[in-house]
Amino acid sequence: MNNASKGSLACVGIGITLGSHISPLARSHIEQADVVFSGVSDGIVELWLSGMNKDVRSLQPYYQEGKSRLKTYRQMVDAIMTEVRAGKRVCGAFYGHPGVFAWAPHKAIEMARLEGYAAHMEPGISAEDCLYADLGIDPGAYGCQHYETSQFMFYRRCVDPSAWLILWQVGLAGDQSKKRFATGAAYRQVLVDVLLRDYPPEHEVVVYRAATLPIQSPRIERLMLAKLPHADLGMTDTLAIPPARSLQPDVEVRARLTALDQAIADS
């Protein structure tokens, strides 16, 4: 049997809150793997993973200040694929959902499949799921738009102020280098200026951060949009912007639908 038929890769999500969100299937992949690569940044979480598998290897040392994150992610993929090519059952364990704001799991799975190895992704509870629960948002009520903050700033997006707007990684707002772990107030002011195209400066927004430990509470800080540049923000903070106007009825479309309803009733 050759290595290609033996090696495999499973990238699993362990959820956000330690021990509370992991699925039985994700746990099984971690326990049965020959080697587990940990994509988490918390030492407590890595100790928890080590209790499920004797060979847990952290991917965090690949991060360095001033180093391109894309280079870091490629090195992570190389480390994972080295073990897959060696014929091992490999598991990558990542915060939340392994396919959400995580380049390396997607790339590793793509590469493994191209090379003939069995590879798949096992979903997990993401920060988005926690946000809906903690802030009491039903995305089906008014709609919900999601963007990575810097990408939102780099490109002109069509914002609908009658829906929720969720901006991820707001602490990195405006980073073009992909080397920073935070930007400052001047960069966030640019973000605010972009948002002022569609929202008034006094509009209330929410800075949100999910709890990663059962003893923690989520960060839910409400403030005026104009005050955002001076807020204390990190990489894991998210900006949630509630609707600023009511839904605008489309009279023409409703009239067409009403005519269809009437035609069905008359038939």
Protein backbone atom coordinates (compact mmCIF):
# COMPACT_ATOMS: atom_id res chain seq x y z
CA MET A 1 0.00 0.00 0.00
CA ASN A 2 1.50 3.37 -0.96
CA ASN A 3 1.48 6.47 1.20
CA ALA A 4 -1.16 8.19 -0.92
CA SER A 5 -3.65 5.50 0.02
CA LYS A 6 -2.73 5.72 3.72
CA GLY A 7 -2.27 9.41 4.41
CA SER A 8 -5.36 11.49 5.17
CA LEU A 9 -6.34 14.89 6.44
CA ALA A 10 -9.27 16.12 8.48
CA CYS A 11 -9.52 19.80 9.38
CA VAL A 12 -11.97 20.15 12.26
CA GLY A 13 -13.55 23.00 14.16
CA ILE A 14 -13.37 22.91 17.95
CA GLY A 15 -15.81 25.78 18.37
CA ILE A 16 -15.18 29.01 20.22
CA THR A 17 -15.77 28.27 23.91
CA LEU A 18 -13.32 25.71 25.28
CA GLY A 19 -14.83 22.23 25.63
CA SER A 20 -18.39 23.43 25.08
CA HIS A 21 -18.69 23.51 21.30
CA ILE A 22 -16.74 20.56 19.94
CA SER A 23 -18.78 17.89 18.14
CA PRO A 24 -18.35 14.16 18.83
CA LEU A 25 -17.06 13.66 15.27
CA ALA A 26 -14.45 16.42 15.58
CA ARG A 27 -13.30 14.94 18.89
CA SER A 28 -13.03 11.51 17.28
CA HIS A 29 -10.79 12.86 14.50
CA ILE A 30 -8.51 14.46 17.09
CA GLU A 31 -8.33 11.33 19.22
CA GLN A 32 -7.67 8.93 16.34
CA ALA A 33 -5.13 11.03 14.41
CA ASP A 34 -1.45 10.10 14.27
CA VAL A 35 -0.59 13.79 14.56
CA VAL A 36 -2.70 16.85 15.39
CA PHE A 37 -1.77 20.34 14.27
CA SER A 38 -3.18 22.97 16.58
CA GLY A 39 -4.29 26.19 14.94
CA VAL A 40 -5.27 27.82 18.24
CA SER A 41 -3.40 30.60 20.04
CA ASP A 42 -4.34 29.85 23.65
CA GLY A 43 -2.03 27.67 25.76
CA ILE A 44 -4.96 26.39 27.82
CA VAL A 45 -6.72 25.19 24.67
CA GLU A 46 -3.54 23.47 23.46
CA LEU A 47 -3.24 21.66 26.81
CA TRP A 48 -6.85 20.54 26.39
CA LEU A 49 -6.05 19.19 22.91
CA SER A 50 -3.00 17.39 24.31
CA GLY A 51 -5.31 15.51 26.63
CA MET A 52 -6.98 13.94 23.58
CA ASN A 53 -3.87 13.11 21.54
CA LYS A 54 -0.25 12.53 22.52
CA ASP A 55 1.18 14.24 19.41
CA VAL A 56 -0.20 17.77 19.22
CA ARG A 57 1.94 20.32 17.37
CA SER A 58 1.28 24.03 17.56
CA LEU A 59 1.17 26.11 14.40
CA GLN A 60 1.57 29.35 16.36
CA PRO A 61 5.41 29.56 16.09
CA TYR A 62 5.00 30.31 12.38
CA TYR A 63 3.53 33.72 13.29
CA GLN A 64 6.07 36.51 13.70
CA GLU A 65 5.77 40.27 13.97
CA GLY A 66 6.50 41.87 10.61
CA LYS A 67 6.16 38.58 8.72
CA SER A 68 3.56 38.24 5.99
CA ARG A 69 0.59 36.23 7.20
CA LEU A 70 0.33 34.63 3.77
CA LYS A 71 3.88 33.28 4.16
CA THR A 72 2.92 32.00 7.60
CA TYR A 73 -0.16 30.24 6.24
CA ARG A 74 1.86 28.58 3.46
CA GLN A 75 4.35 27.26 6.00
CA MET A 76 1.47 25.83 8.01
CA VAL A 77 0.17 24.03 4.94
CA ASP A 78 3.65 22.68 4.20
CA ALA A 79 3.96 21.34 7.76
CA ILE A 80 0.56 19.63 7.54
CA MET A 81 1.19 18.16 4.09
CA THR A 82 4.61 16.79 5.08
CA GLU A 83 2.90 14.48 7.56
CA VAL A 84 0.07 13.58 5.18
CA ARG A 85 2.64 12.60 2.53
CA ALA A 86 4.38 10.47 5.12
CA GLY A 87 1.25 8.31 5.21
CA LYS A 88 -0.13 9.57 8.53
CA ARG A 89 -3.66 10.33 9.61
CA VAL A 90 -3.43 14.05 10.16
CA CYS A 91 -5.91 16.30 11.93
CA GLY A 92 -5.85 20.08 11.91
CA ALA A 93 -7.77 21.52 14.86
CA PHE A 94 -8.86 25.13 14.48
CA TYR A 95 -10.92 27.64 16.43
CA GLY A 96 -14.58 27.92 15.56
CA HIS A 97 -15.33 26.67 12.06
CA PRO A 98 -12.14 25.63 10.19
CA GLY A 99 -13.43 27.14 6.96
CA VAL A 100 -14.23 30.60 8.29
CA PHE A 101 -11.44 33.19 8.15
CA ALA A 102 -8.92 30.37 7.86
CA TRP A 103 -6.86 30.14 4.65
CA ALA A 104 -4.62 27.24 5.67
CA PRO A 105 -7.33 24.56 6.19
CA HIS A 106 -8.90 25.26 2.79
CA LYS A 107 -5.54 25.20 1.04
CA ALA A 108 -4.31 22.07 2.82
CA ILE A 109 -7.48 20.16 1.92
CA GLU A 110 -7.28 21.35 -1.68
CA MET A 111 -3.64 20.29 -1.97
CA ALA A 112 -4.23 16.92 -0.30
CA ARG A 113 -7.09 16.08 -2.66
CA LEU A 114 -5.07 17.11 -5.71
CA GLU A 115 -2.34 14.71 -4.60
CA GLY A 116 -4.78 11.85 -4.14
CA TYR A 117 -5.21 11.83 -0.37
CA ALA A 118 -8.51 11.58 1.46
CA ALA A 119 -9.26 15.00 2.96
CA HIS A 120 -12.32 16.73 4.33
CA MET A 121 -13.49 19.51 6.62
CA GLU A 122 -15.58 19.02 9.74
CA PRO A 123 -17.57 22.16 10.66
CA GLY A 124 -17.66 23.74 14.07
CA ILE A 125 -19.50 26.47 15.95
CA SER A 126 -18.09 29.76 14.66
CA ALA A 127 -17.85 33.26 16.12
CA GLU A 128 -20.74 34.14 13.81
CA ASP A 129 -22.94 31.56 15.52
CA CYS A 130 -21.95 32.95 18.93
CA LEU A 131 -22.67 36.50 17.76
CA TYR A 132 -26.22 35.60 16.73
CA ALA A 133 -26.84 34.02 20.12
CA ASP A 134 -25.15 36.66 22.30
CA LEU A 135 -26.57 39.71 20.50
CA GLY A 136 -29.99 38.16 19.89
CA ILE A 137 -29.80 38.58 16.12
CA ASP A 138 -31.99 36.57 13.77
CA PRO A 139 -30.36 37.03 10.34
CA GLY A 140 -33.65 36.13 8.73
CA ALA A 141 -35.48 39.08 10.27
CA TYR A 142 -33.81 41.94 8.39
CA GLY A 143 -30.94 40.26 6.57
CA CYS A 144 -27.26 40.23 7.49
CA GLN A 145 -24.18 41.33 5.52
CA HIS A 146 -20.73 40.03 6.44
CA TYR A 147 -17.38 41.41 5.34
CA GLU A 148 -13.78 41.25 6.45
CA THR A 149 -13.12 44.81 7.57
CA SER A 150 -10.06 45.64 5.45
CA GLN A 151 -11.59 44.12 2.32
CA PHE A 152 -14.70 46.18 3.01
CA MET A 153 -12.50 49.28 3.03
CA PHE A 154 -10.44 48.39 -0.06
CA TYR A 155 -13.42 47.92 -2.36
CA ARG A 156 -16.70 49.74 -2.89
CA ARG A 157 -19.40 47.46 -1.55
CA CYS A 158 -23.14 47.98 -1.90
CA VAL A 159 -24.26 48.39 1.70
CA ASP A 160 -27.90 47.96 2.65
CA PRO A 161 -28.48 50.02 5.83
CA SER A 162 -31.82 48.28 6.40
CA ALA A 163 -29.94 45.04 7.23
CA TRP A 164 -27.32 44.20 9.84
CA LEU A 165 -23.72 44.84 8.78
CA ILE A 166 -21.06 42.64 10.40
CA LEU A 167 -17.40 43.60 9.99
CA TRP A 168 -14.89 40.96 11.07
CA GLN A 169 -11.34 41.61 12.34
CA VAL A 170 -12.08 45.27 12.93
CA GLY A 171 -8.87 45.62 14.95
CA LEU A 172 -6.95 45.11 11.69
CA ALA A 173 -8.93 47.76 9.80
CA GLY A 174 -7.07 49.03 6.76
CA ASP A 175 -4.04 46.73 6.97
CA GLN A 176 -2.59 46.42 3.47
CA SER A 177 0.69 44.80 4.53
CA LYS A 178 -0.76 41.53 5.91
CA LYS A 179 2.05 41.76 8.46
CA ARG A 180 0.39 43.58 11.34
CA PHE A 181 -1.54 42.29 14.32
CA ALA A 182 -3.34 45.60 14.85
CA THR A 183 -3.83 49.01 13.30
CA GLY A 184 -4.58 52.25 15.10
CA ALA A 185 -7.12 55.01 15.54
CA ALA A 186 -6.18 56.77 12.28
CA TYR A 187 -6.98 53.61 10.30
CA ARG A 188 -10.27 53.15 12.12
CA GLN A 189 -11.16 56.75 11.32
CA VAL A 190 -10.88 55.86 7.65
CA LEU A 191 -13.27 52.98 8.29
CA VAL A 192 -15.69 55.33 10.03
CA ASP A 193 -15.51 57.75 7.12
CA VAL A 194 -16.44 54.89 4.78
CA LEU A 195 -19.36 53.92 7.01
CA LEU A 196 -20.55 57.53 7.21
CA ARG A 197 -21.57 57.19 3.57
CA ASP A 198 -24.50 55.07 4.77
CA TYR A 199 -24.84 55.65 8.53
CA PRO A 200 -25.18 58.76 10.72
CA PRO A 201 -22.27 59.44 13.14
CA GLU A 202 -24.53 58.99 16.18
CA HIS A 203 -25.70 55.54 15.06
CA GLU A 204 -25.14 52.95 17.80
CA VAL A 205 -22.80 50.09 16.90
CA VAL A 206 -21.64 47.07 18.88
CA VAL A 207 -18.08 45.84 19.46
CA TYR A 208 -18.35 42.09 19.99
CA ARG A 209 -15.95 39.36 21.06
CA ALA A 210 -17.09 35.80 21.78
CA ALA A 211 -16.11 34.11 25.03
CA THR A 212 -13.36 31.50 24.58
CA LEU A 213 -13.47 30.10 28.13
CA PRO A 214 -16.59 28.94 30.02
CA ILE A 215 -15.77 31.34 32.87
CA GLN A 216 -15.70 34.34 30.53
CA SER A 217 -18.49 36.56 29.29
CA PRO A 218 -18.64 37.86 25.73
CA ARG A 219 -17.60 41.43 25.06
CA ILE A 220 -20.68 43.46 24.11
CA GLU A 221 -19.78 47.14 24.05
CA ARG A 222 -22.21 49.65 22.57
CA LEU A 223 -20.98 53.03 21.35
CA MET A 224 -21.65 55.70 18.76
CA LEU A 225 -20.11 55.09 15.36
CA ALA A 226 -18.18 58.36 15.57
CA LYS A 227 -16.38 57.13 18.72
CA LEU A 228 -15.14 53.88 17.14
CA PRO A 229 -11.61 55.14 16.31
CA HIS A 230 -10.82 55.51 20.01
CA ALA A 231 -12.19 52.12 21.12
CA ASP A 232 -9.79 49.46 22.39
CA LEU A 233 -9.89 46.85 19.62
CA GLY A 234 -8.01 43.61 18.97
CA MET A 235 -7.77 41.02 16.19
CA THR A 236 -10.68 38.97 17.53
CA ASP A 237 -13.11 41.87 17.88
CA THR A 238 -16.04 42.20 15.51
CA LEU A 239 -18.14 45.26 14.70
CA ALA A 240 -21.89 44.68 14.48
CA ILE A 241 -23.91 47.53 13.00
CA PRO A 242 -27.72 47.36 13.45
CA PRO A 243 -30.07 48.52 10.70
CA ALA A 244 -30.18 52.30 10.37
CA ARG A 245 -33.40 52.54 8.38
CA SER A 246 -36.57 50.56 7.87
CA LEU A 247 -37.09 48.11 5.04
CA GLN A 248 -38.19 49.85 1.85
CA PRO A 249 -41.14 48.09 0.14
CA ASP A 250 -40.83 47.32 -3.57
CA VAL A 251 -44.32 48.33 -4.68
CA GLU A 252 -43.90 47.07 -8.24
CA VAL A 253 -42.80 43.59 -7.24
CA ARG A 254 -45.53 43.32 -4.60
CA ALA A 255 -48.14 44.29 -7.17
CA ARG A 256 -46.92 41.57 -9.53
CA LEU A 257 -47.04 38.98 -6.76
CA THR A 258 -50.52 40.10 -5.72
CA ALA A 259 -51.68 39.68 -9.32
CA LEU A 260 -50.24 36.14 -9.38
CA ASP A 261 -51.99 35.32 -6.10
CA GLN A 262 -55.28 36.62 -7.50
CA ALA A 263 -54.87 34.63 -10.71
CA ILE A 264 -54.33 31.44 -8.69
CA ALA A 265 -57.38 32.22 -6.51
CA ASP A 266 -59.54 32.80 -9.61
CA SER A 267 -58.45 29.63 -11.40
